[in-house]
N, C-alpha and C. Protein backbone atom coordinates (compact mmCIF):
# COMPACT_ATOMS: atom_id res chain seq x y z
N MET A 1 9.60 -14.30 -12.38
CA MET A 1 8.89 -13.45 -11.45
C MET A 1 9.92 -12.76 -10.55
N ARG A 2 9.76 -11.48 -10.40
CA ARG A 2 10.63 -10.71 -9.52
C ARG A 2 10.12 -10.81 -8.09
N GLY A 3 10.67 -10.02 -7.20
CA GLY A 3 10.32 -10.06 -5.79
C GLY A 3 8.98 -9.41 -5.48
N ARG A 4 8.74 -9.25 -4.19
CA ARG A 4 7.49 -8.67 -3.71
C ARG A 4 7.75 -7.25 -3.21
N ILE A 5 6.90 -6.32 -3.64
CA ILE A 5 6.95 -4.93 -3.21
C ILE A 5 5.65 -4.61 -2.50
N ILE A 6 5.73 -3.98 -1.34
CA ILE A 6 4.54 -3.55 -0.62
C ILE A 6 4.27 -2.09 -1.00
N VAL A 7 3.04 -1.80 -1.40
CA VAL A 7 2.63 -0.44 -1.73
C VAL A 7 1.54 -0.04 -0.75
N ALA A 8 1.74 1.09 -0.08
CA ALA A 8 0.76 1.60 0.87
C ALA A 8 0.25 2.94 0.38
N ILE A 9 -1.07 3.11 0.44
CA ILE A 9 -1.71 4.35 0.00
C ILE A 9 -2.34 5.01 1.21
N THR A 10 -1.92 6.25 1.50
CA THR A 10 -2.48 6.97 2.64
C THR A 10 -3.34 8.13 2.12
N GLY A 11 -3.84 8.94 3.04
CA GLY A 11 -4.84 9.93 2.70
C GLY A 11 -4.37 11.21 2.06
N ALA A 12 -3.11 11.32 1.72
CA ALA A 12 -2.63 12.51 1.03
C ALA A 12 -3.09 12.49 -0.42
N SER A 13 -3.11 13.64 -1.03
CA SER A 13 -3.46 13.72 -2.44
C SER A 13 -2.34 13.13 -3.29
N GLY A 14 -2.69 12.48 -4.38
CA GLY A 14 -1.68 11.91 -5.26
C GLY A 14 -1.86 10.43 -5.54
N SER A 15 -3.04 9.88 -5.28
CA SER A 15 -3.24 8.45 -5.50
C SER A 15 -3.07 8.01 -6.96
N PRO A 16 -3.25 8.88 -7.97
CA PRO A 16 -2.94 8.43 -9.34
C PRO A 16 -1.49 7.99 -9.50
N ILE A 17 -0.59 8.56 -8.69
CA ILE A 17 0.80 8.13 -8.73
C ILE A 17 0.92 6.69 -8.23
N ALA A 18 0.16 6.36 -7.17
CA ALA A 18 0.17 4.99 -6.64
C ALA A 18 -0.37 4.01 -7.68
N VAL A 19 -1.43 4.40 -8.39
CA VAL A 19 -2.01 3.54 -9.43
C VAL A 19 -0.97 3.27 -10.52
N LYS A 20 -0.28 4.30 -10.96
CA LYS A 20 0.76 4.15 -11.98
C LYS A 20 1.89 3.25 -11.48
N LEU A 21 2.28 3.43 -10.22
CA LEU A 21 3.33 2.61 -9.63
C LEU A 21 2.91 1.14 -9.60
N ILE A 22 1.71 0.86 -9.12
CA ILE A 22 1.23 -0.52 -9.04
C ILE A 22 1.20 -1.15 -10.43
N ASP A 23 0.64 -0.44 -11.40
CA ASP A 23 0.57 -0.96 -12.77
C ASP A 23 1.96 -1.23 -13.33
N THR A 24 2.90 -0.34 -13.07
CA THR A 24 4.28 -0.52 -13.56
C THR A 24 4.95 -1.71 -12.89
N LEU A 25 4.77 -1.85 -11.58
CA LEU A 25 5.36 -3.00 -10.88
C LEU A 25 4.82 -4.32 -11.44
N LEU A 26 3.52 -4.38 -11.68
CA LEU A 26 2.93 -5.59 -12.24
C LEU A 26 3.47 -5.88 -13.64
N GLU A 27 3.59 -4.84 -14.46
CA GLU A 27 4.13 -5.01 -15.82
C GLU A 27 5.56 -5.54 -15.78
N LYS A 28 6.32 -5.15 -14.77
CA LYS A 28 7.71 -5.57 -14.65
C LYS A 28 7.87 -6.92 -13.95
N GLY A 29 6.74 -7.54 -13.56
CA GLY A 29 6.79 -8.88 -13.01
C GLY A 29 6.89 -8.98 -11.50
N TYR A 30 6.67 -7.90 -10.78
CA TYR A 30 6.70 -7.94 -9.33
C TYR A 30 5.36 -8.46 -8.78
N THR A 31 5.43 -9.05 -7.61
CA THR A 31 4.25 -9.34 -6.83
C THR A 31 4.03 -8.14 -5.93
N VAL A 32 2.77 -7.70 -5.78
CA VAL A 32 2.48 -6.49 -5.03
C VAL A 32 1.61 -6.81 -3.83
N GLY A 33 2.02 -6.32 -2.67
CA GLY A 33 1.19 -6.32 -1.48
C GLY A 33 0.62 -4.92 -1.37
N LEU A 34 -0.68 -4.79 -1.26
CA LEU A 34 -1.32 -3.47 -1.28
C LEU A 34 -2.06 -3.21 0.02
N ILE A 35 -1.78 -2.04 0.61
CA ILE A 35 -2.46 -1.60 1.82
C ILE A 35 -2.97 -0.19 1.56
N ALA A 36 -4.16 0.10 2.02
CA ALA A 36 -4.66 1.48 1.95
C ALA A 36 -5.27 1.83 3.30
N SER A 37 -4.95 3.01 3.77
CA SER A 37 -5.63 3.50 4.96
C SER A 37 -7.07 3.84 4.57
N GLU A 38 -7.93 4.02 5.56
CA GLU A 38 -9.32 4.37 5.26
C GLU A 38 -9.38 5.66 4.45
N ASN A 39 -8.64 6.66 4.87
CA ASN A 39 -8.62 7.92 4.12
C ASN A 39 -7.92 7.78 2.78
N GLY A 40 -6.92 6.92 2.72
CA GLY A 40 -6.24 6.66 1.45
C GLY A 40 -7.20 6.10 0.42
N ASN A 41 -8.05 5.18 0.84
CA ASN A 41 -9.04 4.59 -0.08
C ASN A 41 -10.08 5.64 -0.50
N LYS A 42 -10.48 6.50 0.45
CA LYS A 42 -11.44 7.57 0.12
C LYS A 42 -10.86 8.55 -0.89
N VAL A 43 -9.63 8.98 -0.65
CA VAL A 43 -8.99 9.93 -1.56
C VAL A 43 -8.77 9.28 -2.92
N MET A 44 -8.37 8.02 -2.93
CA MET A 44 -8.17 7.31 -4.19
C MET A 44 -9.48 7.27 -4.98
N ARG A 45 -10.57 6.97 -4.30
CA ARG A 45 -11.87 6.93 -4.96
C ARG A 45 -12.23 8.31 -5.53
N PHE A 46 -11.95 9.37 -4.77
CA PHE A 46 -12.25 10.73 -5.22
C PHE A 46 -11.38 11.11 -6.42
N GLU A 47 -10.08 10.77 -6.36
CA GLU A 47 -9.15 11.20 -7.41
C GLU A 47 -9.17 10.33 -8.66
N THR A 48 -9.54 9.06 -8.52
CA THR A 48 -9.46 8.15 -9.67
C THR A 48 -10.81 7.56 -10.08
N GLY A 49 -11.80 7.64 -9.19
CA GLY A 49 -13.10 7.05 -9.50
C GLY A 49 -13.25 5.62 -9.01
N TYR A 50 -12.21 5.06 -8.40
CA TYR A 50 -12.29 3.70 -7.86
C TYR A 50 -11.37 3.60 -6.65
N GLY A 51 -11.62 2.60 -5.82
CA GLY A 51 -10.79 2.33 -4.65
C GLY A 51 -9.92 1.12 -4.89
N ILE A 52 -9.32 0.61 -3.81
CA ILE A 52 -8.39 -0.52 -3.97
C ILE A 52 -9.09 -1.80 -4.41
N GLU A 53 -10.42 -1.84 -4.32
CA GLU A 53 -11.12 -3.04 -4.80
C GLU A 53 -10.87 -3.27 -6.29
N ARG A 54 -10.41 -2.24 -6.99
CA ARG A 54 -10.04 -2.39 -8.41
C ARG A 54 -9.04 -3.53 -8.59
N TYR A 55 -8.22 -3.77 -7.57
CA TYR A 55 -7.15 -4.75 -7.66
C TYR A 55 -7.50 -6.10 -7.03
N SER A 56 -8.73 -6.27 -6.58
CA SER A 56 -9.07 -7.47 -5.81
C SER A 56 -9.01 -8.76 -6.63
N ASP A 57 -9.20 -8.69 -7.92
CA ASP A 57 -9.20 -9.91 -8.75
C ASP A 57 -7.95 -10.05 -9.61
N ILE A 58 -6.95 -9.24 -9.35
CA ILE A 58 -5.74 -9.28 -10.16
C ILE A 58 -4.73 -10.24 -9.55
N GLU A 59 -4.24 -11.14 -10.39
CA GLU A 59 -3.23 -12.08 -9.95
C GLU A 59 -1.96 -11.31 -9.58
N ASN A 60 -1.22 -11.80 -8.64
CA ASN A 60 0.02 -11.20 -8.16
C ASN A 60 -0.18 -9.98 -7.27
N ILE A 61 -1.41 -9.75 -6.80
CA ILE A 61 -1.66 -8.69 -5.82
C ILE A 61 -2.35 -9.29 -4.61
N THR A 62 -1.84 -8.97 -3.44
CA THR A 62 -2.49 -9.33 -2.19
C THR A 62 -2.90 -8.03 -1.52
N ILE A 63 -4.17 -7.91 -1.18
CA ILE A 63 -4.66 -6.72 -0.49
C ILE A 63 -4.71 -7.02 1.00
N TYR A 64 -4.10 -6.14 1.77
CA TYR A 64 -4.05 -6.28 3.23
C TYR A 64 -4.94 -5.24 3.88
N ASP A 65 -5.57 -5.62 4.98
CA ASP A 65 -6.35 -4.69 5.79
C ASP A 65 -5.37 -3.90 6.66
N ASN A 66 -5.46 -2.60 6.63
CA ASN A 66 -4.55 -1.75 7.39
C ASN A 66 -4.61 -1.99 8.90
N ASN A 67 -5.70 -2.54 9.38
CA ASN A 67 -5.83 -2.82 10.81
C ASN A 67 -5.37 -4.22 11.20
N ASP A 68 -4.93 -5.02 10.25
CA ASP A 68 -4.51 -6.39 10.51
C ASP A 68 -3.04 -6.44 10.91
N LEU A 69 -2.79 -6.20 12.18
CA LEU A 69 -1.41 -6.21 12.65
C LEU A 69 -0.82 -7.62 12.71
N GLY A 70 -1.65 -8.63 12.46
CA GLY A 70 -1.18 -10.01 12.41
C GLY A 70 -0.87 -10.47 10.99
N ALA A 71 -0.97 -9.59 10.01
CA ALA A 71 -0.68 -9.96 8.62
C ALA A 71 0.76 -10.42 8.49
N ASP A 72 1.00 -11.30 7.51
CA ASP A 72 2.35 -11.84 7.35
C ASP A 72 3.41 -10.76 7.14
N ILE A 73 3.06 -9.66 6.50
CA ILE A 73 4.06 -8.62 6.24
C ILE A 73 4.43 -7.80 7.47
N SER A 74 3.69 -7.98 8.56
CA SER A 74 4.02 -7.23 9.78
C SER A 74 5.16 -7.90 10.55
N SER A 75 5.53 -9.10 10.17
CA SER A 75 6.60 -9.82 10.84
C SER A 75 7.96 -9.42 10.29
N GLY A 76 8.92 -9.34 11.15
CA GLY A 76 10.28 -9.04 10.73
C GLY A 76 10.89 -10.14 9.88
N THR A 77 10.29 -11.32 9.89
CA THR A 77 10.81 -12.42 9.08
C THR A 77 10.15 -12.48 7.70
N SER A 78 9.20 -11.61 7.45
CA SER A 78 8.52 -11.58 6.15
C SER A 78 9.50 -11.08 5.08
N ARG A 79 9.46 -11.71 3.93
CA ARG A 79 10.38 -11.35 2.86
C ARG A 79 9.67 -10.48 1.82
N PHE A 80 10.21 -9.28 1.63
CA PHE A 80 9.80 -8.42 0.52
C PHE A 80 10.95 -7.48 0.22
N GLU A 81 10.96 -6.99 -1.01
CA GLU A 81 12.08 -6.16 -1.48
C GLU A 81 12.04 -4.75 -0.90
N ALA A 82 10.84 -4.16 -0.85
CA ALA A 82 10.71 -2.78 -0.40
C ALA A 82 9.27 -2.50 -0.03
N MET A 83 9.09 -1.41 0.72
CA MET A 83 7.76 -0.89 0.99
C MET A 83 7.77 0.56 0.54
N ILE A 84 6.79 0.91 -0.29
CA ILE A 84 6.68 2.26 -0.82
C ILE A 84 5.35 2.83 -0.35
N ILE A 85 5.41 3.98 0.31
CA ILE A 85 4.19 4.64 0.77
C ILE A 85 3.96 5.83 -0.15
N VAL A 86 2.93 5.71 -0.98
CA VAL A 86 2.66 6.74 -1.98
C VAL A 86 1.17 6.83 -2.24
N PRO A 87 0.57 7.97 -2.05
CA PRO A 87 1.13 9.15 -1.42
C PRO A 87 1.24 8.93 0.09
N CYS A 88 2.12 9.67 0.71
CA CYS A 88 2.33 9.55 2.15
C CYS A 88 1.86 10.81 2.85
N SER A 89 0.86 10.67 3.69
CA SER A 89 0.36 11.82 4.45
C SER A 89 1.38 12.23 5.51
N THR A 90 1.31 13.46 5.93
CA THR A 90 2.23 13.92 6.98
C THR A 90 1.97 13.17 8.28
N SER A 91 0.74 12.76 8.53
CA SER A 91 0.42 11.99 9.73
C SER A 91 1.16 10.65 9.70
N THR A 92 1.13 9.96 8.57
CA THR A 92 1.82 8.68 8.44
C THR A 92 3.32 8.88 8.57
N LEU A 93 3.85 9.89 7.93
CA LEU A 93 5.28 10.18 8.00
C LEU A 93 5.71 10.45 9.44
N ALA A 94 4.92 11.22 10.17
CA ALA A 94 5.24 11.53 11.56
C ALA A 94 5.20 10.27 12.42
N LYS A 95 4.21 9.41 12.21
CA LYS A 95 4.12 8.16 12.98
C LYS A 95 5.34 7.28 12.74
N ILE A 96 5.74 7.16 11.49
CA ILE A 96 6.92 6.34 11.17
C ILE A 96 8.16 6.94 11.81
N ASN A 97 8.30 8.24 11.71
CA ASN A 97 9.46 8.93 12.30
C ASN A 97 9.54 8.72 13.81
N CYS A 98 8.40 8.70 14.47
CA CYS A 98 8.37 8.55 15.93
C CYS A 98 8.25 7.11 16.39
N GLY A 99 8.14 6.17 15.45
CA GLY A 99 8.05 4.76 15.82
C GLY A 99 6.68 4.35 16.33
N ILE A 100 5.63 5.04 15.92
CA ILE A 100 4.28 4.69 16.33
C ILE A 100 3.73 3.68 15.33
N ALA A 101 3.59 2.44 15.77
CA ALA A 101 3.15 1.37 14.87
C ALA A 101 1.74 0.95 15.24
N ASP A 102 0.78 1.81 14.97
CA ASP A 102 -0.60 1.52 15.36
C ASP A 102 -1.46 0.97 14.23
N ASN A 103 -0.87 0.75 13.06
CA ASN A 103 -1.57 0.08 11.96
C ASN A 103 -0.55 -0.60 11.07
N LEU A 104 -1.00 -1.30 10.08
CA LEU A 104 -0.10 -2.09 9.25
C LEU A 104 0.86 -1.21 8.44
N ILE A 105 0.39 -0.05 7.99
CA ILE A 105 1.25 0.83 7.22
C ILE A 105 2.41 1.35 8.07
N THR A 106 2.09 1.79 9.27
CA THR A 106 3.16 2.37 10.11
C THR A 106 3.94 1.32 10.88
């Protein structure tokens, strides 16, 4: 088993890319932590026909609530290889750039 990768889905168009990334990471043996913003889940549902609940019963995936600032991955001591935000909305990018940490993704 490889390391853990966090994948975050925001409200920008392009959620099929996130689906392909998650599937590829699982095929390669990674454990995936998955976060979706409310708009990210809506756009994913519109673009793919399903939301993040598609992954709720898959082994090696942990789904996190974007509002859970107490989640284990929010700690600086949490171990994971990388966090990939795909697709990344300009709002999320701006928050990260400015250091605004008002949800689990940012």
